Amino acid sequence: MAFWQEWWVWMVAGVALAVLEVIVPGYVFLGFAIGVALTGVLVFLGVGGSSLALLILIAALLSLGAWLVLRRVFRLRHGQVKVWDRDINDEP
C-alpha cells in the first residue's frame, strides 16, 4: 500500500499545516490544514480512492471550501471599518 493511501499520513500533514498556521498567521494554511484533514477522514472511511491525483484533487477542493468558509467567518462585518492609529514606521 502506498503511503498516500494511509489515512494517518493525511492527518499528520494536516497537523503540520495547522502548526505552520500558528507560526505564520493569516488564515491561509488553516484552510489547507482543514482540507487535508478532511481528506484523511475520507481515506479512513474508504471513500477517498486510491489514486494520488484524485486524493490531491479532493484535498484541493476541500481546502478551497474550508478557505471560503473561513473567509466568511473572519471577515469584517458590514459597516465595520478598520482604523489604523499609528504607522509602524513612526519613531516611538
N, C-alpha and C. Protein backbone atom coordinates (compact mmCIF):
# COMPACT_ATOMS: atom_id res chain seq x y z
N MET A 1 0.85 -1.17 0.00
CA MET A 1 0.00 0.00 0.00
C MET A 1 0.90 1.24 0.00
N ALA A 2 0.60 2.18 -0.88
CA ALA A 2 1.38 3.41 -1.00
C ALA A 2 1.11 4.32 0.19
N PHE A 3 2.07 5.16 0.50
CA PHE A 3 1.94 5.99 1.71
C PHE A 3 0.78 6.98 1.62
N TRP A 4 0.40 7.44 0.42
CA TRP A 4 -0.69 8.40 0.32
C TRP A 4 -2.05 7.73 0.52
N GLN A 5 -2.09 6.43 0.55
CA GLN A 5 -3.35 5.72 0.81
C GLN A 5 -3.56 5.47 2.30
N GLU A 6 -2.62 5.91 3.12
CA GLU A 6 -2.74 5.76 4.57
C GLU A 6 -3.40 7.01 5.13
N TRP A 7 -4.42 6.82 5.96
CA TRP A 7 -5.17 7.97 6.49
C TRP A 7 -4.31 8.80 7.42
N TRP A 8 -3.43 8.18 8.18
CA TRP A 8 -2.65 8.91 9.16
C TRP A 8 -1.64 9.85 8.50
N VAL A 9 -1.22 9.54 7.28
CA VAL A 9 -0.30 10.43 6.56
C VAL A 9 -1.00 11.76 6.28
N TRP A 10 -2.25 11.69 5.88
CA TRP A 10 -3.01 12.91 5.61
C TRP A 10 -3.27 13.69 6.90
N MET A 11 -3.51 12.99 8.00
CA MET A 11 -3.72 13.66 9.28
C MET A 11 -2.45 14.34 9.77
N VAL A 12 -1.31 13.68 9.61
CA VAL A 12 -0.03 14.28 10.00
C VAL A 12 0.23 15.53 9.16
N ALA A 13 -0.07 15.45 7.87
CA ALA A 13 0.09 16.63 7.01
C ALA A 13 -0.84 17.76 7.44
N GLY A 14 -2.06 17.42 7.85
CA GLY A 14 -2.99 18.43 8.34
C GLY A 14 -2.50 19.09 9.61
N VAL A 15 -1.96 18.31 10.52
CA VAL A 15 -1.42 18.88 11.76
C VAL A 15 -0.20 19.74 11.45
N ALA A 16 0.66 19.31 10.54
CA ALA A 16 1.83 20.10 10.17
C ALA A 16 1.40 21.45 9.57
N LEU A 17 0.37 21.45 8.74
CA LEU A 17 -0.13 22.70 8.18
C LEU A 17 -0.77 23.58 9.25
N ALA A 18 -1.42 22.97 10.23
CA ALA A 18 -2.01 23.75 11.33
C ALA A 18 -0.91 24.39 12.18
N VAL A 19 0.17 23.67 12.41
CA VAL A 19 1.30 24.23 13.15
C VAL A 19 1.93 25.36 12.36
N LEU A 20 2.04 25.19 11.05
CA LEU A 20 2.56 26.25 10.19
C LEU A 20 1.67 27.49 10.24
N GLU A 21 0.37 27.29 10.38
CA GLU A 21 -0.55 28.42 10.52
C GLU A 21 -0.30 29.19 11.81
N VAL A 22 0.05 28.48 12.87
CA VAL A 22 0.35 29.14 14.14
C VAL A 22 1.63 29.97 14.00
N ILE A 23 2.59 29.45 13.27
CA ILE A 23 3.86 30.15 13.09
C ILE A 23 3.70 31.34 12.15
N VAL A 24 2.95 31.16 11.07
CA VAL A 24 2.73 32.21 10.07
C VAL A 24 1.23 32.47 9.99
N PRO A 25 0.68 33.34 10.87
CA PRO A 25 -0.77 33.53 10.91
C PRO A 25 -1.29 34.26 9.67
N GLY A 26 -2.55 34.09 9.41
CA GLY A 26 -3.19 34.77 8.29
C GLY A 26 -4.34 33.98 7.70
N TYR A 27 -4.69 32.87 8.31
CA TYR A 27 -5.79 32.01 7.86
C TYR A 27 -5.59 31.47 6.46
N VAL A 28 -4.34 31.33 6.02
CA VAL A 28 -4.07 30.74 4.71
C VAL A 28 -3.85 29.25 4.87
N PHE A 29 -2.93 28.87 5.75
CA PHE A 29 -2.61 27.46 5.93
C PHE A 29 -3.70 26.72 6.70
N LEU A 30 -4.54 27.44 7.42
CA LEU A 30 -5.61 26.80 8.17
C LEU A 30 -6.62 26.15 7.22
N GLY A 31 -6.93 26.80 6.12
CA GLY A 31 -7.82 26.20 5.13
C GLY A 31 -7.24 24.94 4.52
N PHE A 32 -5.93 24.99 4.23
CA PHE A 32 -5.27 23.78 3.71
C PHE A 32 -5.25 22.68 4.76
N ALA A 33 -5.02 23.04 6.02
CA ALA A 33 -4.99 22.05 7.09
C ALA A 33 -6.34 21.36 7.23
N ILE A 34 -7.41 22.14 7.18
CA ILE A 34 -8.75 21.56 7.29
C ILE A 34 -9.05 20.65 6.10
N GLY A 35 -8.70 21.09 4.89
CA GLY A 35 -8.94 20.28 3.70
C GLY A 35 -8.17 18.98 3.71
N VAL A 36 -6.92 19.04 4.13
CA VAL A 36 -6.09 17.83 4.17
C VAL A 36 -6.58 16.89 5.27
N ALA A 37 -6.99 17.43 6.42
CA ALA A 37 -7.51 16.59 7.50
C ALA A 37 -8.82 15.92 7.08
N LEU A 38 -9.67 16.66 6.39
CA LEU A 38 -10.92 16.05 5.89
C LEU A 38 -10.63 14.97 4.85
N THR A 39 -9.59 15.16 4.06
CA THR A 39 -9.18 14.12 3.13
C THR A 39 -8.72 12.89 3.88
N GLY A 40 -8.01 13.09 5.00
CA GLY A 40 -7.61 11.96 5.84
C GLY A 40 -8.81 11.21 6.39
N VAL A 41 -9.85 11.94 6.77
CA VAL A 41 -11.07 11.29 7.26
C VAL A 41 -11.72 10.48 6.14
N LEU A 42 -11.75 11.04 4.93
CA LEU A 42 -12.34 10.30 3.80
C LEU A 42 -11.54 9.04 3.48
N VAL A 43 -10.22 9.13 3.54
CA VAL A 43 -9.39 7.95 3.30
C VAL A 43 -9.62 6.91 4.40
N PHE A 44 -9.77 7.36 5.64
CA PHE A 44 -10.05 6.45 6.75
C PHE A 44 -11.37 5.71 6.53
N LEU A 45 -12.37 6.44 6.01
CA LEU A 45 -13.68 5.83 5.76
C LEU A 45 -13.72 5.01 4.48
N GLY A 46 -12.65 5.07 3.67
CA GLY A 46 -12.58 4.30 2.44
C GLY A 46 -13.27 4.96 1.27
N VAL A 47 -13.55 6.26 1.37
CA VAL A 47 -14.27 6.97 0.32
C VAL A 47 -13.32 7.65 -0.66
N GLY A 48 -12.11 7.95 -0.22
CA GLY A 48 -11.19 8.80 -0.97
C GLY A 48 -10.74 8.25 -2.31
N GLY A 49 -10.53 6.98 -2.44
CA GLY A 49 -9.97 6.42 -3.65
C GLY A 49 -8.51 6.08 -3.45
N SER A 50 -7.89 5.53 -4.48
CA SER A 50 -6.51 5.08 -4.34
C SER A 50 -5.54 5.87 -5.20
N SER A 51 -6.04 6.70 -6.08
CA SER A 51 -5.18 7.46 -6.98
C SER A 51 -4.67 8.72 -6.27
N LEU A 52 -3.37 8.98 -6.39
CA LEU A 52 -2.79 10.16 -5.77
C LEU A 52 -3.38 11.43 -6.38
N ALA A 53 -3.57 11.44 -7.68
CA ALA A 53 -4.14 12.63 -8.34
C ALA A 53 -5.56 12.91 -7.83
N LEU A 54 -6.35 11.87 -7.64
CA LEU A 54 -7.72 12.04 -7.13
C LEU A 54 -7.70 12.56 -5.70
N LEU A 55 -6.80 12.02 -4.87
CA LEU A 55 -6.72 12.47 -3.48
C LEU A 55 -6.24 13.92 -3.39
N ILE A 56 -5.32 14.32 -4.24
CA ILE A 56 -4.88 15.71 -4.25
C ILE A 56 -6.01 16.62 -4.71
N LEU A 57 -6.78 16.19 -5.69
CA LEU A 57 -7.93 16.97 -6.15
C LEU A 57 -8.96 17.11 -5.04
N ILE A 58 -9.24 16.04 -4.32
CA ILE A 58 -10.18 16.09 -3.21
C ILE A 58 -9.67 17.05 -2.13
N ALA A 59 -8.39 16.95 -1.80
CA ALA A 59 -7.80 17.83 -0.79
C ALA A 59 -7.87 19.29 -1.24
N ALA A 60 -7.63 19.54 -2.51
CA ALA A 60 -7.68 20.91 -3.03
C ALA A 60 -9.10 21.47 -2.96
N LEU A 61 -10.07 20.68 -3.34
CA LEU A 61 -11.46 21.15 -3.32
C LEU A 61 -11.95 21.36 -1.88
N LEU A 62 -11.59 20.45 -0.99
CA LEU A 62 -11.98 20.63 0.42
C LEU A 62 -11.27 21.83 1.03
N SER A 63 -10.01 22.06 0.65
CA SER A 63 -9.27 23.23 1.15
C SER A 63 -9.90 24.52 0.65
N LEU A 64 -10.30 24.54 -0.60
CA LEU A 64 -10.97 25.72 -1.15
C LEU A 64 -12.27 26.00 -0.40
N GLY A 65 -13.05 24.96 -0.16
CA GLY A 65 -14.28 25.12 0.59
C GLY A 65 -14.04 25.61 2.01
N ALA A 66 -13.03 25.06 2.67
CA ALA A 66 -12.70 25.49 4.03
C ALA A 66 -12.21 26.93 4.03
N TRP A 67 -11.42 27.31 3.04
CA TRP A 67 -10.92 28.68 2.96
C TRP A 67 -12.07 29.66 2.75
N LEU A 68 -13.04 29.30 1.91
CA LEU A 68 -14.18 30.18 1.68
C LEU A 68 -15.02 30.34 2.95
N VAL A 69 -15.19 29.25 3.69
CA VAL A 69 -15.93 29.33 4.96
C VAL A 69 -15.17 30.19 5.95
N LEU A 70 -13.86 30.00 6.08
CA LEU A 70 -13.06 30.81 6.99
C LEU A 70 -13.09 32.28 6.60
N ARG A 71 -13.07 32.55 5.32
CA ARG A 71 -13.11 33.94 4.86
C ARG A 71 -14.43 34.59 5.25
N ARG A 72 -15.51 33.84 5.17
CA ARG A 72 -16.82 34.39 5.54
C ARG A 72 -16.91 34.59 7.05
N VAL A 73 -16.35 33.68 7.81
CA VAL A 73 -16.42 33.76 9.27
C VAL A 73 -15.56 34.89 9.81
N PHE A 74 -14.35 35.07 9.28
CA PHE A 74 -13.40 36.02 9.84
C PHE A 74 -13.34 37.35 9.09
N ARG A 75 -14.29 37.64 8.25
CA ARG A 75 -14.28 38.90 7.51
C ARG A 75 -14.72 40.06 8.40
N LEU A 76 -14.52 41.27 7.90
CA LEU A 76 -15.04 42.45 8.59
C LEU A 76 -16.56 42.48 8.43
N ARG A 77 -17.23 42.80 9.49
CA ARG A 77 -18.69 42.87 9.45
C ARG A 77 -19.14 44.10 8.65
N HIS A 78 -20.36 44.07 8.18
CA HIS A 78 -20.91 45.16 7.39
C HIS A 78 -20.91 46.44 8.21
N GLY A 79 -20.33 47.49 7.66
CA GLY A 79 -20.28 48.76 8.35
C GLY A 79 -19.07 48.91 9.27
N GLN A 80 -18.31 47.84 9.44
CA GLN A 80 -17.14 47.89 10.31
C GLN A 80 -15.94 48.34 9.48
N VAL A 81 -15.22 49.31 10.00
CA VAL A 81 -14.07 49.86 9.28
C VAL A 81 -12.83 49.62 10.11
N LYS A 82 -11.78 49.20 9.48
CA LYS A 82 -10.52 49.01 10.17
C LYS A 82 -9.78 50.34 10.19
N VAL A 83 -9.46 50.82 11.39
CA VAL A 83 -8.80 52.11 11.55
C VAL A 83 -7.42 51.87 12.13
N TRP A 84 -6.42 52.47 11.50
CA TRP A 84 -5.05 52.36 11.97
C TRP A 84 -4.71 53.61 12.77
N ASP A 85 -4.25 53.44 14.01
CA ASP A 85 -3.92 54.57 14.88
C ASP A 85 -2.49 55.07 14.67
N ARG A 86 -1.60 54.18 14.32
CA ARG A 86 -0.22 54.61 14.15
C ARG A 86 0.41 53.81 13.02
N ASP A 87 1.48 54.36 12.52
CA ASP A 87 2.24 53.72 11.46
C ASP A 87 3.40 52.98 12.09
N ILE A 88 3.69 51.77 11.60
CA ILE A 88 4.78 51.01 12.20
C ILE A 88 6.14 51.66 11.92
N ASN A 89 6.20 52.57 10.97
CA ASN A 89 7.46 53.23 10.65
C ASN A 89 7.69 54.48 11.50
N ASP A 90 6.71 54.90 12.28
CA ASP A 90 6.89 56.07 13.14
C ASP A 90 7.82 55.74 14.29
N GLU A 91 8.61 56.72 14.68
CA GLU A 91 9.53 56.55 15.82
C GLU A 91 8.70 56.59 17.10
N PRO A 92 9.04 55.76 18.09
CA PRO A 92 8.28 55.79 19.36
C PRO A 92 8.56 57.01 20.20
